[in-house]
Protein backbone atom coordinates (compact mmCIF):
# COMPACT_ATOMS: atom_id res chain seq x y z
CA MET A 1 -44.33 4.01 36.54
CA ARG A 2 -44.08 7.01 34.25
CA SER A 3 -40.69 8.17 35.69
CA ILE A 4 -39.09 5.06 34.97
CA VAL A 5 -40.21 5.11 31.51
CA ASP A 6 -39.05 8.79 31.16
CA GLY A 7 -35.64 7.81 32.89
CA HIS A 8 -35.00 5.14 30.41
CA PHE A 9 -35.67 7.34 27.51
CA PHE A 10 -33.61 10.23 29.08
CA ARG A 11 -30.63 7.73 29.24
CA ALA A 12 -31.13 6.30 25.91
CA ALA A 13 -31.40 9.99 24.55
CA LEU A 14 -28.41 10.78 26.31
CA LEU A 15 -26.24 7.83 25.35
CA LEU A 16 -27.44 8.48 21.53
CA LEU A 17 -26.23 12.05 21.83
CA ALA A 18 -22.87 11.01 23.40
CA THR A 19 -22.25 8.48 20.74
CA VAL A 20 -22.92 11.11 18.09
CA LEU A 21 -21.00 13.71 19.49
CA MET A 22 -18.14 11.74 20.77
CA PRO A 23 -15.04 11.72 18.08
CA LEU A 24 -14.00 8.40 16.74
CA PRO A 25 -10.59 7.31 16.86
CA VAL A 26 -9.03 7.86 13.50
CA ILE A 27 -6.68 4.99 12.11
CA ALA A 28 -4.59 6.18 9.29
CA ARG A 29 -4.47 3.66 6.45
CA ASN A 30 -0.91 4.58 6.14
CA GLU A 31 0.28 3.73 9.48
CA SER A 32 1.81 0.82 8.24
CA ALA A 33 4.00 2.58 5.59
CA ALA A 34 6.04 4.08 8.62
CA ALA A 35 6.64 0.43 9.39
CA ILE A 36 7.97 -0.49 5.74
CA ARG A 37 11.14 -2.59 6.30
CA GLU A 38 14.12 -1.85 4.09
CA ILE A 39 16.16 -3.93 1.82
CA ASN A 40 19.63 -3.22 0.10
CA LEU A 41 19.58 -3.05 -3.82
CA SER A 42 22.48 -5.57 -3.60
CA ALA A 43 20.14 -7.87 -1.64
CA LEU A 44 17.43 -8.11 -4.28
CA PRO A 45 17.10 -11.19 -6.73
CA ALA A 46 19.04 -10.40 -10.01
CA GLU A 47 15.64 -10.02 -11.90
CA ALA A 48 14.62 -7.08 -9.64
CA ARG A 49 17.88 -5.24 -10.12
CA GLN A 50 17.42 -5.78 -13.81
CA THR A 51 13.91 -4.45 -13.43
CA ILE A 52 15.09 -1.38 -11.67
CA VAL A 53 17.62 -0.65 -14.54
CA LEU A 54 14.95 -0.92 -17.05
CA ILE A 55 12.75 1.58 -15.05
CA LYS A 56 15.47 4.07 -14.91
CA ASN A 57 16.16 3.80 -18.58
CA GLY A 58 12.35 4.05 -19.46
CA GLY A 59 12.34 0.33 -20.82
CA PRO A 60 11.81 -1.68 -22.90
CA PHE A 61 9.67 -3.58 -20.69
CA PRO A 62 8.79 -7.25 -21.06
CA TYR A 63 5.28 -7.20 -19.95
CA ALA A 64 2.47 -5.04 -21.53
CA ARG A 65 1.01 -4.25 -17.94
CA ASP A 66 4.58 -2.90 -16.66
CA GLY A 67 4.17 0.87 -16.05
CA VAL A 68 0.64 0.92 -15.35
CA VAL A 69 -0.55 2.93 -12.44
CA PHE A 70 -0.46 1.15 -9.02
CA GLY A 71 -3.30 2.22 -6.91
CA ASN A 72 -2.04 1.59 -3.38
CA TYR A 73 -5.57 0.47 -2.27
CA GLU A 74 -4.00 -1.72 0.46
CA GLY A 75 -2.64 1.58 1.87
CA LEU A 76 0.73 -0.20 2.42
CA LEU A 77 2.75 2.60 0.84
CA PRO A 78 2.78 6.30 1.78
CA PRO A 79 -0.38 7.95 0.63
CA ARG A 80 -0.21 9.96 -2.45
CA ARG A 81 -2.35 10.89 -5.30
CA ARG A 82 -3.29 8.66 -7.92
CA GLY A 83 -0.65 8.16 -10.56
CA HIS A 84 2.20 8.86 -8.17
CA TYR A 85 3.19 5.28 -8.27
CA ARG A 86 3.74 2.76 -11.11
CA GLU A 87 4.03 -1.19 -11.01
CA TYR A 88 6.58 -3.20 -12.69
CA THR A 89 6.83 -7.19 -13.12
CA VAL A 90 10.06 -8.73 -11.69
CA PRO A 91 10.34 -11.89 -13.94
CA THR A 92 10.44 -15.03 -11.78
CA PRO A 93 12.46 -18.09 -13.05
CA GLY A 94 10.30 -21.12 -13.87
CA VAL A 95 6.92 -19.17 -13.83
CA ARG A 96 5.07 -18.82 -17.08
CA SER A 97 2.72 -15.90 -15.69
CA ARG A 98 3.76 -12.55 -14.44
CA GLY A 99 4.39 -14.26 -11.03
CA ALA A 100 3.87 -12.47 -7.74
CA ARG A 101 7.17 -10.30 -7.61
CA ARG A 102 6.69 -6.57 -8.31
CA ILE A 103 8.70 -3.23 -8.11
CA VAL A 104 6.55 -0.06 -7.40
CA ALA A 105 8.32 3.00 -8.48
CA SER A 106 7.21 6.74 -7.28
CA ARG A 107 7.43 9.81 -9.32
CA ASP A 108 10.10 10.98 -6.79
CA ALA A 109 12.52 7.97 -7.56
CA GLU A 110 11.60 5.82 -4.66
CA TYR A 111 11.34 1.87 -5.07
CA TYR A 112 9.62 -0.58 -3.57
CA TYR A 113 9.77 -4.42 -3.81
CA SER A 114 6.98 -6.89 -3.27
CA ASP A 115 7.51 -10.69 -3.69
CA ASP A 116 4.09 -11.69 -2.54
CA HIS A 117 1.95 -9.63 -5.02
CA TYR A 118 1.36 -6.78 -2.84
CA ARG A 119 0.83 -8.15 0.62
CA SER A 120 4.10 -6.54 1.83
CA PHE A 121 6.68 -4.18 0.63
CA ARG A 122 10.39 -3.49 1.34
CA HIS A 123 11.76 0.03 0.47
CA ILE A 124 14.70 -0.36 -1.58
CA ARG A 125 17.70 1.15 -0.41
CA GLU A 126 20.36 2.22 -3.36
């Protein structure tokens, strides 16, 4: 009887040790960043193209939150240090609030368009 208990203990200890020592698969949060679709600047809505002009000219911006740091908490854009990305509102005709459309601009002049409030992005090709 004692050998059965010792056998169970040995197997449980071995399983615990293997679990602790086995490397876990690493899933990068930015895997989806490699799969970002592209959109031509000319294919964007007119309001998005105008927002990009304002970004490049440094404003003036119509919304107080335009230019705030975009945290990329969803991990959909390539990972960068905090402050690398800024968000800007793309006006939506007929909507009284800021709506769901945004341009996210990076410090290295890369632009991303979201028409669903950051659930997806398209890299803007100029």
